[in-house]
Amino acid sequence: MNSKFAQQLGSEETYPHLLEKNYPHIVEKMALHWEAATFEDYLASLLFDQRGHRAGFPPGILQEIFSLQNHYRSRQAPRPISIDTWADSVALPRRHHGE
């Protein structure tokens, strides 16, 4: 067990034992990224094939990755909720018929 990562997680329940058994190098990288803003980017690189030839992970491994993602997100500061759905939208110039 990666003691640094186990300590970072703070919970034995979320430790990815199956992932570590089959892909120990991934758990090592997760430990490096956990406290950085790059953790979710690293997870995305695992889950979404950018090279076009990966076979994907078995279901048990995917479950552990998704559990880690949920655990990570639950420990982050909540994002402010905007009351106005369109507040962050960009105003585009209007076109008139016949232009």
C-alpha atoms as a PDB file:
ATOM      1  CA  MET A   1       0.000   0.000   0.000  1.00  0.00           C
ATOM      2  CA  ASN A   2       1.234   3.461  -0.874  1.00  0.00           C
ATOM      3  CA  SER A   3       1.279   5.024   2.602  1.00  0.00           C
ATOM      4  CA  LYS A   4       1.498   8.585   1.280  1.00  0.00           C
ATOM      5  CA  PHE A   5      -1.591   8.097  -0.884  1.00  0.00           C
ATOM      6  CA  ALA A   6      -3.459   6.285   1.891  1.00  0.00           C
ATOM      7  CA  GLN A   7      -2.778   9.214   4.204  1.00  0.00           C
ATOM      8  CA  GLN A   8      -3.869  11.711   1.547  1.00  0.00           C
ATOM      9  CA  LEU A   9      -7.134   9.853   1.033  1.00  0.00           C
ATOM     10  CA  GLY A  10      -7.816   9.746   4.756  1.00  0.00           C
ATOM     11  CA  SER A  11     -10.015   6.677   4.365  1.00  0.00           C
ATOM     12  CA  GLU A  12      -9.221   2.994   3.944  1.00  0.00           C
ATOM     13  CA  GLU A  13     -12.550   2.546   2.165  1.00  0.00           C
ATOM     14  CA  THR A  14     -11.486   4.673  -0.788  1.00  0.00           C
ATOM     15  CA  TYR A  15      -8.011   3.188  -1.231  1.00  0.00           C
ATOM     16  CA  PRO A  16      -7.731   1.582  -4.707  1.00  0.00           C
ATOM     17  CA  HIS A  17      -6.411  -1.874  -3.774  1.00  0.00           C
ATOM     18  CA  LEU A  18      -7.359  -3.516  -7.060  1.00  0.00           C
ATOM     19  CA  LEU A  19      -5.870  -0.662  -9.061  1.00  0.00           C
ATOM     20  CA  GLU A  20      -2.642  -0.872  -7.072  1.00  0.00           C
ATOM     21  CA  LYS A  21      -2.426  -4.632  -7.548  1.00  0.00           C
ATOM     22  CA  ASN A  22      -2.812  -4.386 -11.330  1.00  0.00           C
ATOM     23  CA  TYR A  23      -1.423  -0.923 -12.110  1.00  0.00           C
ATOM     24  CA  PRO A  24       0.914   0.189  -9.295  1.00  0.00           C
ATOM     25  CA  HIS A  25       2.453   2.916 -11.473  1.00  0.00           C
ATOM     26  CA  ILE A  26      -0.972   4.586 -11.749  1.00  0.00           C
ATOM     27  CA  VAL A  27      -1.390   4.683  -7.969  1.00  0.00           C
ATOM     28  CA  GLU A  28       2.074   6.257  -7.704  1.00  0.00           C
ATOM     29  CA  LYS A  29       1.065   8.986 -10.162  1.00  0.00           C
ATOM     30  CA  MET A  30      -2.245   9.519  -8.356  1.00  0.00           C
ATOM     31  CA  ALA A  31      -0.339  10.129  -5.134  1.00  0.00           C
ATOM     32  CA  LEU A  32       1.751  12.769  -6.916  1.00  0.00           C
ATOM     33  CA  HIS A  33      -1.277  14.522  -8.412  1.00  0.00           C
ATOM     34  CA  TRP A  34      -3.709  14.217  -5.468  1.00  0.00           C
ATOM     35  CA  GLU A  35      -2.904  17.557  -3.848  1.00  0.00           C
ATOM     36  CA  ALA A  36      -2.376  19.368  -7.152  1.00  0.00           C
ATOM     37  CA  ALA A  37      -4.897  20.946  -9.457  1.00  0.00           C
ATOM     38  CA  THR A  38      -3.895  18.329 -12.032  1.00  0.00           C
ATOM     39  CA  PHE A  39      -5.566  15.345 -10.326  1.00  0.00           C
ATOM     40  CA  GLU A  40      -8.794  15.495 -12.316  1.00  0.00           C
ATOM     41  CA  ASP A  41      -6.852  16.022 -15.541  1.00  0.00           C
ATOM     42  CA  TYR A  42      -4.844  12.904 -14.746  1.00  0.00           C
ATOM     43  CA  LEU A  43      -8.041  10.925 -14.113  1.00  0.00           C
ATOM     44  CA  ALA A  44      -9.471  12.157 -17.401  1.00  0.00           C
ATOM     45  CA  SER A  45      -6.329  10.964 -19.192  1.00  0.00           C
ATOM     46  CA  LEU A  46      -6.941   7.519 -17.712  1.00  0.00           C
ATOM     47  CA  LEU A  47     -10.620   7.384 -18.564  1.00  0.00           C
ATOM     48  CA  PHE A  48     -10.623   8.912 -22.037  1.00  0.00           C
ATOM     49  CA  ASP A  49      -8.434   7.426 -24.749  1.00  0.00           C
ATOM     50  CA  GLN A  50      -6.393  10.156 -26.424  1.00  0.00           C
ATOM     51  CA  ARG A  51      -4.188   7.757 -28.394  1.00  0.00           C
ATOM     52  CA  GLY A  52      -6.858   5.644 -30.043  1.00  0.00           C
ATOM     53  CA  HIS A  53      -5.561   2.191 -29.187  1.00  0.00           C
ATOM     54  CA  ARG A  54      -6.242   1.571 -25.499  1.00  0.00           C
ATOM     55  CA  ALA A  55      -8.397  -1.373 -24.495  1.00  0.00           C
ATOM     56  CA  GLY A  56      -9.785   0.304 -21.382  1.00  0.00           C
ATOM     57  CA  PHE A  57      -9.899  -0.842 -17.771  1.00  0.00           C
ATOM     58  CA  PRO A  58     -11.860  -3.755 -16.346  1.00  0.00           C
ATOM     59  CA  PRO A  59     -15.078  -2.787 -14.493  1.00  0.00           C
ATOM     60  CA  GLY A  60     -13.588  -3.192 -10.995  1.00  0.00           C
ATOM     61  CA  ILE A  61     -10.727  -0.832 -11.822  1.00  0.00           C
ATOM     62  CA  LEU A  62     -13.128   1.712 -13.318  1.00  0.00           C
ATOM     63  CA  GLN A  63     -15.231   1.581 -10.169  1.00  0.00           C
ATOM     64  CA  GLU A  64     -12.196   2.406  -8.043  1.00  0.00           C
ATOM     65  CA  ILE A  65     -11.231   5.288 -10.333  1.00  0.00           C
ATOM     66  CA  PHE A  66     -14.760   6.718 -10.212  1.00  0.00           C
ATOM     67  CA  SER A  67     -14.826   6.310  -6.429  1.00  0.00           C
ATOM     68  CA  LEU A  68     -11.544   8.215  -6.167  1.00  0.00           C
ATOM     69  CA  GLN A  69     -12.916  10.932  -8.417  1.00  0.00           C
ATOM     70  CA  ASN A  70     -16.017  11.292  -6.232  1.00  0.00           C
ATOM     71  CA  HIS A  71     -13.918  11.302  -3.069  1.00  0.00           C
ATOM     72  CA  TYR A  72     -11.598  13.955  -4.521  1.00  0.00           C
ATOM     73  CA  ARG A  73     -14.508  16.158  -5.567  1.00  0.00           C
ATOM     74  CA  SER A  74     -16.179  15.817  -2.171  1.00  0.00           C
ATOM     75  CA  ARG A  75     -13.066  17.266  -0.528  1.00  0.00           C
ATOM     76  CA  GLN A  76     -12.900  20.310  -2.799  1.00  0.00           C
ATOM     77  CA  ALA A  77     -14.444  23.661  -1.945  1.00  0.00           C
ATOM     78  CA  PRO A  78     -17.934  23.941  -3.402  1.00  0.00           C
ATOM     79  CA  ARG A  79     -18.247  26.006  -6.533  1.00  0.00           C
ATOM     80  CA  PRO A  80     -20.497  29.064  -6.292  1.00  0.00           C
ATOM     81  CA  ILE A  81     -23.891  28.579  -7.863  1.00  0.00           C
ATOM     82  CA  SER A  82     -25.034  31.352 -10.163  1.00  0.00           C
ATOM     83  CA  ILE A  83     -28.695  32.300  -9.895  1.00  0.00           C
ATOM     84  CA  ASP A  84     -28.677  33.737 -13.400  1.00  0.00           C
ATOM     85  CA  THR A  85     -28.086  30.926 -15.876  1.00  0.00           C
ATOM     86  CA  TRP A  86     -26.995  33.355 -18.573  1.00  0.00           C
ATOM     87  CA  ALA A  87     -24.761  35.542 -16.366  1.00  0.00           C
ATOM     88  CA  ASP A  88     -21.551  34.032 -17.701  1.00  0.00           C
ATOM     89  CA  SER A  89     -22.648  33.898 -21.347  1.00  0.00           C
ATOM     90  CA  VAL A  90     -20.985  35.953 -24.020  1.00  0.00           C
ATOM     91  CA  ALA A  91     -23.141  38.446 -25.895  1.00  0.00           C
ATOM     92  CA  LEU A  92     -22.971  37.798 -29.636  1.00  0.00           C
ATOM     93  CA  PRO A  93     -23.837  40.455 -32.170  1.00  0.00           C
ATOM     94  CA  ARG A  94     -27.342  40.011 -33.535  1.00  0.00           C
ATOM     95  CA  ARG A  95     -27.862  39.395 -37.207  1.00  0.00           C
ATOM     96  CA  HIS A  96     -30.852  40.794 -39.014  1.00  0.00           C
ATOM     97  CA  HIS A  97     -32.735  38.886 -41.694  1.00  0.00           C
ATOM     98  CA  GLY A  98     -31.351  39.542 -45.117  1.00  0.00           C
ATOM     99  CA  GLU A  99     -27.753  40.142 -44.057  1.00  0.00           C
END
